[in-house]
Amino acid sequence: MVMVAVGVYARLLKHAEAAMACLAVDPAILLIMVGVLTFLITFCGCVGSLRENICLLQLFSICLTIIFLLQLAVGVLGFVFSDEARGKVSEIINGAIVHYRDDLDLQNLIDFGQKEFSCCGGVSYKDWSQNMYFNCTATNPSRERCAVPFSCCLHDPQQAVINTMCGHGMQARGYLEASAFIHTNGCIDKLVNWTHSNLFLLGGITLGLALPQLVGIILAQLLINQIRDQVKLQLYNQQHRADPWY
């Protein structure tokens, strides 16, 4: 419920013109969807165990099993079909670049990623030409023509105030010339390299997410079996008139 509340609050804070823009990549919408899904699944498990309702417990167990299998499938497919996974990541990043100015949450997310990984764009810094504001064609009337976001710029520790204009005109420069002012390497390669360097960390996180799911599935099935055994016992006692409360 907290996740849903934060997502709704973030969505309501946006301007009216941005409220209908880029719904598919809006982090607030994603947060709301994950929160609603989490609430519904855990509601089934909580109420099902309190009321000893087999249908709710079965639904809870099935949902956890589906999520676990999807996570396993994504991990296996991402490892086996690494080229296809890289292409999908590239597609997502390019889509985010196109909608960079359409959504403030998405903009902050991209800026955070480019700062953390010291990268710029998808494959290179010139990918920012896909954005209508940063497009480097001569017909683009934007003041940000041929620019890149300030998050691409090299960080100067002695600089007290961030220069948000540091990326202007960088797409018109070559790699060597631009590398003196901005990060020219794309975020896709940096993300792939970071993934390869942190496989054990990612494996530990995945295991940490999978274990509670497996425990939930096992406990739900054990409780379902206990409830069924109680029902069978009550039916047996009724049939043989051996119920002590009869």
C-alpha atoms as a PDB file:
ATOM      1  CA  MET A   1       0.000   0.000   0.000  1.00  0.00           C
ATOM      2  CA  VAL A   2       2.945   2.332   0.671  1.00  0.00           C
ATOM      3  CA  MET A   3       4.281   1.623  -2.823  1.00  0.00           C
ATOM      4  CA  VAL A   4       0.881   2.411  -4.339  1.00  0.00           C
ATOM      5  CA  ALA A   5       0.577   5.602  -2.282  1.00  0.00           C
ATOM      6  CA  VAL A   6       4.043   6.805  -3.341  1.00  0.00           C
ATOM      7  CA  GLY A   7       3.286   6.028  -6.993  1.00  0.00           C
ATOM      8  CA  VAL A   8      -0.058   7.854  -6.907  1.00  0.00           C
ATOM      9  CA  TYR A   9       1.507  10.822  -5.098  1.00  0.00           C
ATOM     10  CA  ALA A  10       4.302  11.056  -7.689  1.00  0.00           C
ATOM     11  CA  ARG A  11       1.764  10.812 -10.503  1.00  0.00           C
ATOM     12  CA  LEU A  12      -0.480  13.550  -9.085  1.00  0.00           C
ATOM     13  CA  LEU A  13       2.465  15.926  -8.648  1.00  0.00           C
ATOM     14  CA  LYS A  14       3.091  16.023 -12.383  1.00  0.00           C
ATOM     15  CA  HIS A  15       1.745  18.728 -14.622  1.00  0.00           C
ATOM     16  CA  ALA A  16      -1.473  18.113 -16.541  1.00  0.00           C
ATOM     17  CA  GLU A  17       0.314  18.027 -19.885  1.00  0.00           C
ATOM     18  CA  ALA A  18       2.725  15.391 -18.628  1.00  0.00           C
ATOM     19  CA  ALA A  19      -0.005  13.284 -17.027  1.00  0.00           C
ATOM     20  CA  MET A  20      -0.895  11.632 -20.351  1.00  0.00           C
ATOM     21  CA  ALA A  21       2.640  11.451 -21.718  1.00  0.00           C
ATOM     22  CA  CYS A  22       4.768   8.351 -21.902  1.00  0.00           C
ATOM     23  CA  LEU A  23       2.630   6.108 -19.697  1.00  0.00           C
ATOM     24  CA  ALA A  24       4.528   2.968 -20.714  1.00  0.00           C
ATOM     25  CA  VAL A  25       7.852   4.168 -19.269  1.00  0.00           C
ATOM     26  CA  ASP A  26       6.552   6.223 -16.345  1.00  0.00           C
ATOM     27  CA  PRO A  27       8.273   5.033 -13.126  1.00  0.00           C
ATOM     28  CA  ALA A  28       5.259   6.204 -11.090  1.00  0.00           C
ATOM     29  CA  ILE A  29       2.910   3.980 -13.115  1.00  0.00           C
ATOM     30  CA  LEU A  30       5.344   1.072 -12.771  1.00  0.00           C
ATOM     31  CA  LEU A  31       5.474   1.590  -9.005  1.00  0.00           C
ATOM     32  CA  ILE A  32       1.670   1.626  -8.795  1.00  0.00           C
ATOM     33  CA  MET A  33       1.369  -1.570 -10.849  1.00  0.00           C
ATOM     34  CA  VAL A  34       3.956  -3.435  -8.763  1.00  0.00           C
ATOM     35  CA  GLY A  35       2.344  -2.188  -5.552  1.00  0.00           C
ATOM     36  CA  VAL A  36      -1.153  -3.274  -6.608  1.00  0.00           C
ATOM     37  CA  LEU A  37       0.094  -6.698  -7.717  1.00  0.00           C
ATOM     38  CA  THR A  38       2.033  -7.196  -4.483  1.00  0.00           C
ATOM     39  CA  PHE A  39      -0.959  -6.138  -2.379  1.00  0.00           C
ATOM     40  CA  LEU A  40      -3.378  -8.474  -4.159  1.00  0.00           C
ATOM     41  CA  ILE A  41      -1.078 -11.489  -3.861  1.00  0.00           C
ATOM     42  CA  THR A  42      -0.228 -10.921  -0.198  1.00  0.00           C
ATOM     43  CA  PHE A  43      -3.897 -10.164   0.558  1.00  0.00           C
ATOM     44  CA  CYS A  44      -4.839 -13.598  -0.763  1.00  0.00           C
ATOM     45  CA  GLY A  45      -2.166 -15.237   1.366  1.00  0.00           C
ATOM     46  CA  CYS A  46      -2.995 -13.287   4.533  1.00  0.00           C
ATOM     47  CA  VAL A  47      -6.787 -13.603   4.393  1.00  0.00           C
ATOM     48  CA  GLY A  48      -6.560 -17.172   3.103  1.00  0.00           C
ATOM     49  CA  SER A  49      -4.441 -18.257   6.083  1.00  0.00           C
ATOM     50  CA  LEU A  50      -6.554 -16.349   8.640  1.00  0.00           C
ATOM     51  CA  ARG A  51      -9.839 -17.689   7.300  1.00  0.00           C
ATOM     52  CA  GLU A  52      -8.361 -21.060   6.284  1.00  0.00           C
ATOM     53  CA  ASN A  53      -9.735 -20.536   2.796  1.00  0.00           C
ATOM     54  CA  ILE A  54      -8.319 -23.112   0.393  1.00  0.00           C
ATOM     55  CA  CYS A  55      -9.217 -21.110  -2.740  1.00  0.00           C
ATOM     56  CA  LEU A  56      -7.322 -17.990  -1.600  1.00  0.00           C
ATOM     57  CA  LEU A  57      -4.355 -20.054  -0.460  1.00  0.00           C
ATOM     58  CA  GLN A  58      -4.254 -21.887  -3.787  1.00  0.00           C
ATOM     59  CA  LEU A  59      -4.401 -18.563  -5.634  1.00  0.00           C
ATOM     60  CA  PHE A  60      -1.589 -17.208  -3.459  1.00  0.00           C
ATOM     61  CA  SER A  61       0.538 -20.304  -4.090  1.00  0.00           C
ATOM     62  CA  ILE A  62      -0.134 -20.295  -7.850  1.00  0.00           C
ATOM     63  CA  CYS A  63       0.735 -16.592  -8.178  1.00  0.00           C
ATOM     64  CA  LEU A  64       4.006 -17.049  -6.292  1.00  0.00           C
ATOM     65  CA  THR A  65       4.842 -20.076  -8.425  1.00  0.00           C
ATOM     66  CA  ILE A  66       4.188 -18.147 -11.651  1.00  0.00           C
ATOM     67  CA  ILE A  67       6.342 -15.222 -10.482  1.00  0.00           C
ATOM     68  CA  PHE A  68       9.134 -17.590  -9.451  1.00  0.00           C
ATOM     69  CA  LEU A  69       9.038 -19.427 -12.795  1.00  0.00           C
ATOM     70  CA  LEU A  70       8.997 -16.124 -14.711  1.00  0.00           C
ATOM     71  CA  GLN A  71      12.055 -14.919 -12.790  1.00  0.00           C
ATOM     72  CA  LEU A  72      13.802 -18.212 -13.504  1.00  0.00           C
ATOM     73  CA  ALA A  73      12.860 -18.065 -17.189  1.00  0.00           C
ATOM     74  CA  VAL A  74      14.049 -14.464 -17.548  1.00  0.00           C
ATOM     75  CA  GLY A  75      17.371 -15.345 -15.929  1.00  0.00           C
ATOM     76  CA  VAL A  76      17.913 -18.424 -18.118  1.00  0.00           C
ATOM     77  CA  LEU A  77      16.817 -16.685 -21.327  1.00  0.00           C
ATOM     78  CA  GLY A  78      18.923 -13.635 -20.528  1.00  0.00           C
ATOM     79  CA  PHE A  79      21.966 -15.895 -20.058  1.00  0.00           C
ATOM     80  CA  VAL A  80      21.337 -18.112 -23.101  1.00  0.00           C
ATOM     81  CA  PHE A  81      20.162 -15.389 -25.471  1.00  0.00           C
ATOM     82  CA  SER A  82      22.511 -12.642 -24.324  1.00  0.00           C
ATOM     83  CA  ASP A  83      22.534 -10.926 -27.727  1.00  0.00           C
ATOM     84  CA  GLU A  84      18.735 -10.726 -27.807  1.00  0.00           C
ATOM     85  CA  ALA A  85      18.698  -9.476 -24.208  1.00  0.00           C
ATOM     86  CA  ARG A  86      21.248  -6.826 -25.118  1.00  0.00           C
ATOM     87  CA  GLY A  87      19.047  -5.773 -28.046  1.00  0.00           C
ATOM     88  CA  LYS A  88      16.018  -5.493 -25.754  1.00  0.00           C
ATOM     89  CA  VAL A  89      17.973  -3.380 -23.268  1.00  0.00           C
ATOM     90  CA  SER A  90      19.143  -1.186 -26.137  1.00  0.00           C
ATOM     91  CA  GLU A  91      15.535  -0.770 -27.286  1.00  0.00           C
ATOM     92  CA  ILE A  92      14.419   0.256 -23.790  1.00  0.00           C
ATOM     93  CA  ILE A  93      17.265   2.770 -23.401  1.00  0.00           C
ATOM     94  CA  ASN A  94      16.620   4.296 -26.833  1.00  0.00           C
ATOM     95  CA  GLY A  95      12.920   4.611 -25.999  1.00  0.00           C
ATOM     96  CA  ALA A  96      13.815   6.352 -22.752  1.00  0.00           C
ATOM     97  CA  ILE A  97      16.099   8.749 -24.633  1.00  0.00           C
ATOM     98  CA  VAL A  98      13.267   9.682 -27.000  1.00  0.00           C
ATOM     99  CA  HIS A  99      10.959  10.511 -24.069  1.00  0.00           C
ATOM    100  CA  TYR A 100      13.653  12.144 -21.905  1.00  0.00           C
ATOM    101  CA  ARG A 101      11.940  15.538 -21.700  1.00  0.00           C
ATOM    102  CA  ASP A 102       8.408  14.128 -21.531  1.00  0.00           C
ATOM    103  CA  ASP A 103       8.578  12.824 -17.975  1.00  0.00           C
ATOM    104  CA  LEU A 104      10.462  14.288 -15.006  1.00  0.00           C
ATOM    105  CA  ASP A 105      10.774  10.948 -13.185  1.00  0.00           C
ATOM    106  CA  LEU A 106      12.205   9.299 -16.292  1.00  0.00           C
ATOM    107  CA  GLN A 107      14.572  12.217 -16.778  1.00  0.00           C
ATOM    108  CA  ASN A 108      15.889  11.924 -13.218  1.00  0.00           C
ATOM    109  CA  LEU A 109      16.263   8.154 -13.630  1.00  0.00           C
ATOM    110  CA  ILE A 110      18.328   8.537 -16.823  1.00  0.00           C
ATOM    111  CA  ASP A 111      20.480  11.264 -15.277  1.00  0.00           C
ATOM    112  CA  PHE A 112      21.112   9.060 -12.232  1.00  0.00           C
ATOM    113  CA  GLY A 113      22.117   6.106 -14.443  1.00  0.00           C
ATOM    114  CA  GLN A 114      24.469   8.182 -16.600  1.00  0.00           C
ATOM    115  CA  LYS A 115      26.149   9.652 -13.519  1.00  0.00           C
ATOM    116  CA  GLU A 116      26.523   6.316 -11.741  1.00  0.00           C
ATOM    117  CA  PHE A 117      27.891   4.410 -14.762  1.00  0.00           C
ATOM    118  CA  SER A 118      29.833   7.392 -16.194  1.00  0.00           C
ATOM    119  CA  CYS A 119      28.222   6.938 -19.598  1.00  0.00           C
ATOM    120  CA  CYS A 120      26.180   8.854 -22.136  1.00  0.00           C
ATOM    121  CA  GLY A 121      23.437   7.577 -24.441  1.00  0.00           C
ATOM    122  CA  GLY A 122      22.847   3.980 -25.498  1.00  0.00           C
ATOM    123  CA  VAL A 123      25.788   3.006 -27.713  1.00  0.00           C
ATOM    124  CA  SER A 124      27.433   6.446 -27.713  1.00  0.00           C
ATOM    125  CA  TYR A 125      26.734  10.052 -26.805  1.00  0.00           C
ATOM    126  CA  LYS A 126      25.425  10.713 -30.320  1.00  0.00           C
ATOM    127  CA  ASP A 127      22.349   8.578 -29.558  1.00  0.00           C
ATOM    128  CA  TRP A 128      20.907  11.709 -27.965  1.00  0.00           C
ATOM    129  CA  SER A 129      20.190  12.944 -31.471  1.00  0.00           C
ATOM    130  CA  GLN A 130      17.125  10.643 -31.325  1.00  0.00           C
ATOM    131  CA  ASN A 131      15.529  13.116 -28.919  1.00  0.00           C
ATOM    132  CA  MET A 132      13.633  15.950 -30.617  1.00  0.00           C
ATOM    133  CA  TYR A 133      15.232  18.558 -28.362  1.00  0.00           C
ATOM    134  CA  PHE A 134      18.820  17.293 -28.744  1.00  0.00           C
ATOM    135  CA  ASN A 135      18.504  16.381 -32.424  1.00  0.00           C
ATOM    136  CA  CYS A 136      21.567  17.555 -34.344  1.00  0.00           C
ATOM    137  CA  THR A 137      19.933  18.341 -37.689  1.00  0.00           C
ATOM    138  CA  ALA A 138      20.172  21.874 -39.050  1.00  0.00           C
ATOM    139  CA  THR A 139      16.366  22.204 -39.095  1.00  0.00           C
ATOM    140  CA  ASN A 140      16.031  21.691 -35.344  1.00  0.00           C
ATOM    141  CA  PRO A 141      15.033  25.053 -33.775  1.00  0.00           C
ATOM    142  CA  SER A 142      15.714  23.901 -30.207  1.00  0.00           C
ATOM    143  CA  ARG A 143      18.340  25.727 -28.151  1.00  0.00           C
ATOM    144  CA  GLU A 144      19.590  22.300 -27.075  1.00  0.00           C
ATOM    145  CA  ARG A 145      20.390  21.237 -30.640  1.00  0.00           C
ATOM    146  CA  CYS A 146      23.446  18.944 -30.782  1.00  0.00           C
ATOM    147  CA  ALA A 147      23.655  18.962 -26.973  1.00  0.00           C
ATOM    148  CA  VAL A 148      23.646  16.138 -24.412  1.00  0.00           C
ATOM    149  CA  PRO A 149      22.247  16.210 -20.840  1.00  0.00           C
ATOM    150  CA  PHE A 150      24.475  17.628 -18.137  1.00  0.00           C
ATOM    151  CA  SER A 151      24.628  14.161 -16.541  1.00  0.00           C
ATOM    152  CA  CYS A 152      26.956  13.162 -19.410  1.00  0.00           C
ATOM    153  CA  CYS A 153      29.549  15.755 -18.398  1.00  0.00           C
ATOM    154  CA  LEU A 154      32.788  14.886 -16.631  1.00  0.00           C
ATOM    155  CA  HIS A 155      32.528  15.639 -12.940  1.00  0.00           C
ATOM    156  CA  ASP A 156      34.833  18.292 -11.530  1.00  0.00           C
ATOM    157  CA  PRO A 157      35.171  17.811  -7.740  1.00  0.00           C
ATOM    158  CA  GLN A 158      36.283  21.432  -7.327  1.00  0.00           C
ATOM    159  CA  GLN A 159      33.157  22.738  -9.045  1.00  0.00           C
ATOM    160  CA  ALA A 160      30.671  23.871  -6.385  1.00  0.00           C
ATOM    161  CA  VAL A 161      27.832  24.683  -8.801  1.00  0.00           C
ATOM    162  CA  ILE A 162      26.787  22.213 -11.519  1.00  0.00           C
ATOM    163  CA  ASN A 163      27.097  23.633 -15.020  1.00  0.00           C
ATOM    164  CA  THR A 164      23.917  22.414 -16.719  1.00  0.00           C
ATOM    165  CA  MET A 165      25.075  23.914 -20.043  1.00  0.00           C
ATOM    166  CA  CYS A 166      28.267  21.835 -20.221  1.00  0.00           C
ATOM    167  CA  GLY A 167      26.831  19.403 -22.788  1.00  0.00           C
ATOM    168  CA  HIS A 168      25.859  21.966 -25.419  1.00  0.00           C
ATOM    169  CA  GLY A 169      27.254  21.339 -28.891  1.00  0.00           C
ATOM    170  CA  MET A 170      28.974  18.085 -27.915  1.00  0.00           C
ATOM    171  CA  GLN A 171      27.300  15.948 -30.595  1.00  0.00           C
ATOM    172  CA  ALA A 172      28.881  18.143 -33.273  1.00  0.00           C
ATOM    173  CA  ARG A 173      32.346  17.268 -31.936  1.00  0.00           C
ATOM    174  CA  GLY A 174      34.354  14.123 -32.552  1.00  0.00           C
ATOM    175  CA  TYR A 175      34.971  11.433 -29.958  1.00  0.00           C
ATOM    176  CA  LEU A 176      38.424  12.640 -28.941  1.00  0.00           C
ATOM    177  CA  GLU A 177      37.405  16.268 -28.730  1.00  0.00           C
ATOM    178  CA  ALA A 178      34.164  15.520 -26.858  1.00  0.00           C
ATOM    179  CA  SER A 179      35.869  13.117 -24.438  1.00  0.00           C
ATOM    180  CA  ALA A 180      37.601  16.075 -22.809  1.00  0.00           C
ATOM    181  CA  PHE A 181      34.226  17.368 -21.629  1.00  0.00           C
ATOM    182  CA  ILE A 182      31.759  14.445 -21.490  1.00  0.00           C
ATOM    183  CA  HIS A 183      31.586  10.663 -21.215  1.00  0.00           C
ATOM    184  CA  THR A 184      31.491   9.381 -24.785  1.00  0.00           C
ATOM    185  CA  ASN A 185      30.937   5.678 -24.054  1.00  0.00           C
ATOM    186  CA  GLY A 186      27.360   4.361 -24.166  1.00  0.00           C
ATOM    187  CA  CYS A 187      25.500   3.017 -21.154  1.00  0.00           C
ATOM    188  CA  ILE A 188      24.752  -0.381 -22.729  1.00  0.00           C
ATOM    189  CA  ASP A 189      28.380  -1.527 -22.694  1.00  0.00           C
ATOM    190  CA  LYS A 190      28.886  -0.089 -19.219  1.00  0.00           C
ATOM    191  CA  LEU A 191      25.779  -1.908 -17.978  1.00  0.00           C
ATOM    192  CA  VAL A 192      26.899  -5.213 -19.540  1.00  0.00           C
ATOM    193  CA  ASN A 193      30.386  -4.872 -18.037  1.00  0.00           C
ATOM    194  CA  TRP A 194      28.931  -4.031 -14.627  1.00  0.00           C
ATOM    195  CA  THR A 195      26.666  -7.088 -14.837  1.00  0.00           C
ATOM    196  CA  HIS A 196      29.585  -9.381 -15.675  1.00  0.00           C
ATOM    197  CA  SER A 197      31.638  -7.901 -12.824  1.00  0.00           C
ATOM    198  CA  ASN A 198      28.852  -8.352 -10.263  1.00  0.00           C
ATOM    199  CA  LEU A 199      27.461 -11.770 -11.137  1.00  0.00           C
ATOM    200  CA  PHE A 200      27.836 -13.047  -7.563  1.00  0.00           C
ATOM    201  CA  LEU A 201      26.054  -9.977  -6.186  1.00  0.00           C
ATOM    202  CA  LEU A 202      23.208 -10.354  -8.684  1.00  0.00           C
ATOM    203  CA  GLY A 203      23.034 -14.073  -7.930  1.00  0.00           C
ATOM    204  CA  GLY A 204      22.794 -13.344  -4.205  1.00  0.00           C
ATOM    205  CA  ILE A 205      20.021 -10.791  -4.748  1.00  0.00           C
ATOM    206  CA  THR A 206      18.136 -13.234  -6.977  1.00  0.00           C
ATOM    207  CA  LEU A 207      18.495 -15.986  -4.373  1.00  0.00           C
ATOM    208  CA  GLY A 208      17.352 -13.590  -1.656  1.00  0.00           C
ATOM    209  CA  LEU A 209      14.208 -12.846  -3.676  1.00  0.00           C
ATOM    210  CA  ALA A 210      13.565 -16.476  -4.586  1.00  0.00           C
ATOM    211  CA  LEU A 211      13.897 -18.036  -1.116  1.00  0.00           C
ATOM    212  CA  PRO A 212      10.942 -16.161   0.494  1.00  0.00           C
ATOM    213  CA  GLN A 213       8.821 -17.079  -2.510  1.00  0.00           C
ATOM    214  CA  LEU A 214       9.696 -20.760  -2.171  1.00  0.00           C
ATOM    215  CA  VAL A 215       9.041 -20.631   1.583  1.00  0.00           C
ATOM    216  CA  GLY A 216       5.667 -18.980   0.930  1.00  0.00           C
ATOM    217  CA  ILE A 217       4.737 -21.650  -1.606  1.00  0.00           C
ATOM    218  CA  ILE A 218       5.744 -24.507   0.712  1.00  0.00           C
ATOM    219  CA  LEU A 219       3.954 -23.045   3.758  1.00  0.00           C
ATOM    220  CA  ALA A 220       0.803 -22.388   1.725  1.00  0.00           C
ATOM    221  CA  GLN A 221       0.744 -25.975   0.478  1.00  0.00           C
ATOM    222  CA  LEU A 222       1.343 -27.338   3.991  1.00  0.00           C
ATOM    223  CA  LEU A 223      -1.541 -25.256   5.352  1.00  0.00           C
ATOM    224  CA  ILE A 224      -3.794 -26.366   2.492  1.00  0.00           C
ATOM    225  CA  ASN A 225      -3.013 -30.021   3.279  1.00  0.00           C
ATOM    226  CA  GLN A 226      -3.728 -29.457   6.988  1.00  0.00           C
ATOM    227  CA  ILE A 227      -7.080 -27.828   6.209  1.00  0.00           C
ATOM    228  CA  ARG A 228      -8.026 -30.688   3.901  1.00  0.00           C
ATOM    229  CA  ASP A 229      -7.056 -33.213   6.564  1.00  0.00           C
ATOM    230  CA  GLN A 230      -9.257 -31.402   9.092  1.00  0.00           C
ATOM    231  CA  VAL A 231     -12.175 -31.380   6.658  1.00  0.00           C
ATOM    232  CA  LYS A 232     -11.743 -35.112   6.009  1.00  0.00           C
ATOM    233  CA  LEU A 233     -11.582 -35.784   9.745  1.00  0.00           C
ATOM    234  CA  GLN A 234     -14.771 -33.830  10.381  1.00  0.00           C
ATOM    235  CA  LEU A 235     -16.559 -35.662   7.577  1.00  0.00           C
ATOM    236  CA  TYR A 236     -15.354 -38.997   8.943  1.00  0.00           C
ATOM    237  CA  ASN A 237     -16.551 -38.145  12.452  1.00  0.00           C
ATOM    238  CA  GLN A 238     -19.936 -37.038  11.162  1.00  0.00           C
ATOM    239  CA  GLN A 239     -20.343 -40.227   9.188  1.00  0.00           C
ATOM    240  CA  HIS A 240     -19.432 -42.428  12.138  1.00  0.00           C
ATOM    241  CA  ARG A 241     -21.150 -40.318  14.815  1.00  0.00           C
ATOM    242  CA  ALA A 242     -17.850 -40.057  16.632  1.00  0.00           C
ATOM    243  CA  ASP A 243     -17.640 -36.290  16.863  1.00  0.00           C
ATOM    244  CA  PRO A 244     -17.123 -35.382  20.597  1.00  0.00           C
ATOM    245  CA  TRP A 245     -19.078 -32.153  20.078  1.00  0.00           C
ATOM    246  CA  TYR A 246     -22.019 -33.859  18.443  1.00  0.00           C
END
